[in-house]
N, C-alpha and C. Protein backbone atom coordinates (compact mmCIF):
# COMPACT_ATOMS: atom_id res chain seq x y z
N MET A 1 -4.17 26.22 7.91
CA MET A 1 -3.56 24.94 7.58
C MET A 1 -4.31 24.32 6.41
N ARG A 2 -3.58 24.02 5.36
CA ARG A 2 -4.20 23.49 4.15
C ARG A 2 -4.20 21.97 4.17
N ILE A 3 -5.33 21.39 3.89
CA ILE A 3 -5.48 19.94 3.91
C ILE A 3 -4.69 19.30 2.78
N GLU A 4 -4.64 19.95 1.62
CA GLU A 4 -3.94 19.38 0.47
C GLU A 4 -2.48 19.10 0.79
N ASN A 5 -1.86 19.99 1.55
CA ASN A 5 -0.45 19.79 1.90
C ASN A 5 -0.28 18.56 2.78
N ASN A 6 -1.20 18.35 3.71
CA ASN A 6 -1.11 17.19 4.59
C ASN A 6 -1.37 15.89 3.83
N ILE A 7 -2.32 15.92 2.92
CA ILE A 7 -2.64 14.71 2.17
C ILE A 7 -1.48 14.33 1.26
N SER A 8 -0.87 15.31 0.62
CA SER A 8 0.24 14.99 -0.28
C SER A 8 1.44 14.43 0.47
N SER A 9 1.58 14.75 1.75
CA SER A 9 2.70 14.21 2.52
C SER A 9 2.48 12.75 2.91
N LEU A 10 1.26 12.24 2.76
CA LEU A 10 0.95 10.85 3.09
C LEU A 10 1.13 9.91 1.90
N SER A 11 1.79 10.35 0.89
CA SER A 11 2.00 9.55 -0.31
C SER A 11 2.69 8.24 0.04
N LEU A 12 2.26 7.17 -0.60
CA LEU A 12 2.85 5.86 -0.34
C LEU A 12 4.05 5.58 -1.23
N GLY A 13 4.34 6.46 -2.18
CA GLY A 13 5.51 6.29 -3.03
C GLY A 13 5.30 5.36 -4.21
N TRP A 14 4.07 5.07 -4.57
CA TRP A 14 3.81 4.15 -5.67
C TRP A 14 3.74 4.87 -7.00
N GLU A 15 3.73 6.19 -6.99
CA GLU A 15 3.58 6.94 -8.23
C GLU A 15 4.73 6.66 -9.19
N GLU A 16 5.95 6.58 -8.66
CA GLU A 16 7.11 6.32 -9.51
C GLU A 16 7.03 4.94 -10.13
N GLU A 17 6.55 3.96 -9.36
CA GLU A 17 6.46 2.60 -9.88
C GLU A 17 5.40 2.49 -10.96
N ILE A 18 4.30 3.20 -10.80
CA ILE A 18 3.25 3.16 -11.80
C ILE A 18 3.75 3.77 -13.10
N SER A 19 4.46 4.89 -13.00
CA SER A 19 5.00 5.50 -14.22
C SER A 19 6.08 4.61 -14.83
N GLY A 20 6.82 3.87 -14.00
CA GLY A 20 7.81 2.93 -14.50
C GLY A 20 7.17 1.77 -15.22
N LEU A 21 5.99 1.36 -14.78
CA LEU A 21 5.27 0.28 -15.44
C LEU A 21 4.91 0.66 -16.86
N SER A 22 4.51 1.91 -17.06
CA SER A 22 4.12 2.32 -18.40
C SER A 22 5.32 2.37 -19.34
N ARG A 23 6.52 2.47 -18.80
CA ARG A 23 7.72 2.47 -19.64
C ARG A 23 8.25 1.06 -19.88
N GLY A 24 7.57 0.05 -19.38
CA GLY A 24 7.97 -1.32 -19.64
C GLY A 24 9.04 -1.84 -18.68
N ALA A 25 9.16 -1.27 -17.51
CA ALA A 25 10.17 -1.69 -16.54
C ALA A 25 9.63 -2.85 -15.71
N GLY A 26 9.85 -4.09 -16.15
CA GLY A 26 9.40 -5.25 -15.40
C GLY A 26 7.96 -5.62 -15.75
N GLY A 27 7.57 -6.81 -15.32
CA GLY A 27 6.22 -7.28 -15.60
C GLY A 27 5.25 -6.92 -14.50
N PHE A 28 3.99 -7.25 -14.77
CA PHE A 28 2.93 -6.95 -13.81
C PHE A 28 3.11 -7.75 -12.53
N GLY A 29 3.53 -9.00 -12.65
CA GLY A 29 3.76 -9.83 -11.47
C GLY A 29 4.84 -9.26 -10.57
N GLU A 30 5.89 -8.74 -11.18
CA GLU A 30 6.98 -8.12 -10.41
C GLU A 30 6.47 -6.88 -9.69
N TYR A 31 5.63 -6.10 -10.38
CA TYR A 31 5.05 -4.91 -9.76
C TYR A 31 4.20 -5.29 -8.55
N LEU A 32 3.37 -6.33 -8.70
CA LEU A 32 2.53 -6.77 -7.58
C LEU A 32 3.39 -7.26 -6.42
N ASN A 33 4.46 -7.97 -6.74
CA ASN A 33 5.36 -8.47 -5.70
C ASN A 33 5.97 -7.31 -4.91
N GLN A 34 6.43 -6.29 -5.62
CA GLN A 34 7.02 -5.13 -4.95
C GLN A 34 5.98 -4.38 -4.12
N ALA A 35 4.76 -4.27 -4.65
CA ALA A 35 3.71 -3.58 -3.92
C ALA A 35 3.36 -4.32 -2.63
N LEU A 36 3.30 -5.65 -2.70
CA LEU A 36 3.02 -6.43 -1.49
C LEU A 36 4.15 -6.34 -0.48
N GLN A 37 5.37 -6.26 -0.96
CA GLN A 37 6.50 -6.07 -0.05
C GLN A 37 6.40 -4.73 0.66
N LYS A 38 5.96 -3.70 -0.05
CA LYS A 38 5.79 -2.38 0.57
C LYS A 38 4.67 -2.41 1.61
N VAL A 39 3.58 -3.10 1.29
CA VAL A 39 2.49 -3.22 2.25
C VAL A 39 2.98 -3.92 3.51
N ASN A 40 3.73 -5.00 3.33
CA ASN A 40 4.28 -5.72 4.48
C ASN A 40 5.21 -4.82 5.29
N LYS A 41 6.05 -4.07 4.61
CA LYS A 41 6.98 -3.17 5.30
C LYS A 41 6.23 -2.13 6.12
N LEU A 42 5.16 -1.56 5.55
CA LEU A 42 4.37 -0.58 6.28
C LEU A 42 3.70 -1.21 7.50
N GLN A 43 3.24 -2.45 7.38
CA GLN A 43 2.63 -3.14 8.51
C GLN A 43 3.65 -3.37 9.63
N VAL A 44 4.84 -3.81 9.25
CA VAL A 44 5.89 -4.07 10.24
C VAL A 44 6.30 -2.77 10.93
N GLU A 45 6.45 -1.69 10.16
CA GLU A 45 6.83 -0.41 10.74
C GLU A 45 5.76 0.09 11.70
N ALA A 46 4.49 -0.09 11.35
CA ALA A 46 3.40 0.33 12.23
C ALA A 46 3.43 -0.47 13.53
N ASP A 47 3.67 -1.77 13.43
CA ASP A 47 3.76 -2.60 14.64
C ASP A 47 4.91 -2.15 15.53
N GLN A 48 6.04 -1.82 14.91
CA GLN A 48 7.19 -1.35 15.69
C GLN A 48 6.89 -0.02 16.37
N MET A 49 6.18 0.86 15.68
CA MET A 49 5.82 2.15 16.26
C MET A 49 4.90 1.96 17.47
N VAL A 50 3.96 1.03 17.37
CA VAL A 50 3.05 0.77 18.49
C VAL A 50 3.84 0.26 19.69
N GLU A 51 4.80 -0.62 19.44
CA GLU A 51 5.64 -1.12 20.53
C GLU A 51 6.43 0.01 21.17
N LYS A 52 6.94 0.93 20.36
CA LYS A 52 7.70 2.06 20.89
C LYS A 52 6.81 3.00 21.70
N VAL A 53 5.56 3.16 21.28
CA VAL A 53 4.63 3.99 22.05
C VAL A 53 4.38 3.34 23.41
N ALA A 54 4.21 2.03 23.42
CA ALA A 54 3.97 1.32 24.67
C ALA A 54 5.16 1.44 25.62
N GLN A 55 6.36 1.55 25.06
CA GLN A 55 7.57 1.69 25.87
C GLN A 55 7.86 3.15 26.20
N GLY A 56 7.10 4.07 25.64
CA GLY A 56 7.30 5.48 25.90
C GLY A 56 8.40 6.12 25.07
N GLU A 57 8.82 5.45 24.00
CA GLU A 57 9.92 5.95 23.17
C GLU A 57 9.43 6.74 21.96
N GLU A 58 8.15 6.67 21.65
CA GLU A 58 7.64 7.30 20.42
C GLU A 58 6.36 8.06 20.73
N ASP A 59 6.12 9.10 19.94
CA ASP A 59 4.92 9.92 20.05
C ASP A 59 3.73 9.15 19.47
N ILE A 60 2.59 9.22 20.14
CA ILE A 60 1.41 8.49 19.69
C ILE A 60 0.91 9.02 18.34
N HIS A 61 1.12 10.30 18.09
CA HIS A 61 0.70 10.90 16.82
C HIS A 61 1.39 10.22 15.64
N ASN A 62 2.69 10.04 15.74
CA ASN A 62 3.45 9.37 14.66
C ASN A 62 3.02 7.92 14.50
N ALA A 63 2.70 7.28 15.62
CA ALA A 63 2.26 5.89 15.55
C ALA A 63 0.92 5.78 14.82
N PHE A 64 0.01 6.70 15.10
CA PHE A 64 -1.28 6.67 14.40
C PHE A 64 -1.12 6.95 12.91
N ILE A 65 -0.20 7.82 12.55
CA ILE A 65 0.06 8.07 11.13
C ILE A 65 0.57 6.80 10.46
N ALA A 66 1.50 6.11 11.12
CA ALA A 66 2.03 4.86 10.58
C ALA A 66 0.93 3.80 10.46
N LEU A 67 0.06 3.73 11.47
CA LEU A 67 -1.04 2.77 11.42
C LEU A 67 -2.01 3.08 10.28
N GLU A 68 -2.30 4.34 10.07
CA GLU A 68 -3.21 4.72 8.98
C GLU A 68 -2.60 4.44 7.61
N LYS A 69 -1.30 4.70 7.47
CA LYS A 69 -0.63 4.39 6.20
C LYS A 69 -0.70 2.89 5.93
N ALA A 70 -0.44 2.09 6.96
CA ALA A 70 -0.48 0.63 6.80
C ALA A 70 -1.89 0.17 6.47
N ASP A 71 -2.88 0.75 7.13
CA ASP A 71 -4.27 0.38 6.89
C ASP A 71 -4.69 0.74 5.47
N LEU A 72 -4.30 1.92 5.02
CA LEU A 72 -4.63 2.35 3.66
C LEU A 72 -3.96 1.45 2.62
N ALA A 73 -2.70 1.12 2.83
CA ALA A 73 -1.98 0.25 1.90
C ALA A 73 -2.61 -1.13 1.84
N LEU A 74 -2.99 -1.67 2.99
CA LEU A 74 -3.63 -2.98 3.02
C LEU A 74 -4.99 -2.94 2.33
N GLY A 75 -5.74 -1.88 2.56
CA GLY A 75 -7.04 -1.74 1.91
C GLY A 75 -6.92 -1.69 0.40
N ILE A 76 -5.92 -0.96 -0.08
CA ILE A 76 -5.69 -0.88 -1.52
C ILE A 76 -5.29 -2.25 -2.07
N ALA A 77 -4.43 -2.96 -1.34
CA ALA A 77 -4.00 -4.29 -1.79
C ALA A 77 -5.18 -5.25 -1.86
N VAL A 78 -6.08 -5.19 -0.90
CA VAL A 78 -7.25 -6.06 -0.91
C VAL A 78 -8.15 -5.72 -2.10
N GLN A 79 -8.32 -4.45 -2.39
CA GLN A 79 -9.15 -4.05 -3.53
C GLN A 79 -8.53 -4.51 -4.85
N VAL A 80 -7.22 -4.41 -4.97
CA VAL A 80 -6.55 -4.89 -6.18
C VAL A 80 -6.74 -6.39 -6.32
N ARG A 81 -6.59 -7.12 -5.22
CA ARG A 81 -6.80 -8.57 -5.26
C ARG A 81 -8.22 -8.89 -5.70
N ASN A 82 -9.19 -8.18 -5.15
CA ASN A 82 -10.59 -8.42 -5.52
C ASN A 82 -10.82 -8.18 -7.00
N LYS A 83 -10.22 -7.13 -7.54
CA LYS A 83 -10.39 -6.83 -8.96
C LYS A 83 -9.71 -7.89 -9.83
N VAL A 84 -8.56 -8.38 -9.41
CA VAL A 84 -7.86 -9.42 -10.18
C VAL A 84 -8.68 -10.71 -10.18
N VAL A 85 -9.22 -11.08 -9.03
CA VAL A 85 -10.04 -12.29 -8.94
C VAL A 85 -11.30 -12.13 -9.79
N GLU A 86 -11.90 -10.96 -9.72
CA GLU A 86 -13.10 -10.70 -10.52
C GLU A 86 -12.80 -10.78 -12.02
N ALA A 87 -11.68 -10.23 -12.44
CA ALA A 87 -11.29 -10.30 -13.86
C ALA A 87 -11.02 -11.74 -14.27
N TYR A 88 -10.35 -12.51 -13.41
CA TYR A 88 -10.07 -13.91 -13.71
C TYR A 88 -11.38 -14.69 -13.88
N GLN A 89 -12.31 -14.47 -12.96
CA GLN A 89 -13.59 -15.18 -13.04
C GLN A 89 -14.36 -14.80 -14.31
N GLU A 90 -14.28 -13.54 -14.70
CA GLU A 90 -14.96 -13.12 -15.92
C GLU A 90 -14.32 -13.77 -17.15
N ILE A 91 -13.01 -13.86 -17.16
CA ILE A 91 -12.32 -14.51 -18.28
C ILE A 91 -12.69 -15.99 -18.34
N MET A 92 -12.79 -16.64 -17.19
CA MET A 92 -13.13 -18.06 -17.17
C MET A 92 -14.57 -18.31 -17.62
N ARG A 93 -15.45 -17.33 -17.49
CA ARG A 93 -16.83 -17.48 -17.94
C ARG A 93 -16.99 -17.27 -19.44
N MET A 94 -15.98 -16.72 -20.08
CA MET A 94 -16.06 -16.47 -21.52
C MET A 94 -16.10 -17.79 -22.29
N GLN A 95 -16.93 -17.80 -23.32
CA GLN A 95 -16.99 -18.98 -24.17
C GLN A 95 -16.03 -18.81 -25.33
N VAL A 96 -15.38 -19.91 -25.67
CA VAL A 96 -14.40 -19.87 -26.75
C VAL A 96 -15.03 -20.22 -28.07
């Protein structure tokens, strides 16, 4: 069993959006809005999977995969926010 195959199947689907950004499709704010909507969607789906596991309707393995995807997406969103805040603070410290 190859790990690379499993990792590539966990893609969050942001690759297309990033390549679209380089072609000028929408602004950075719109991209962030869409990314946050995806993070929210992954969180909601993970919560629904956990409820289904509790009811015996879903496999726990799939629920853990959904939880890990949601956790990874949230972690990435937090890191992006931290970098944006850090960049803003650095710009505000610049002397004119």
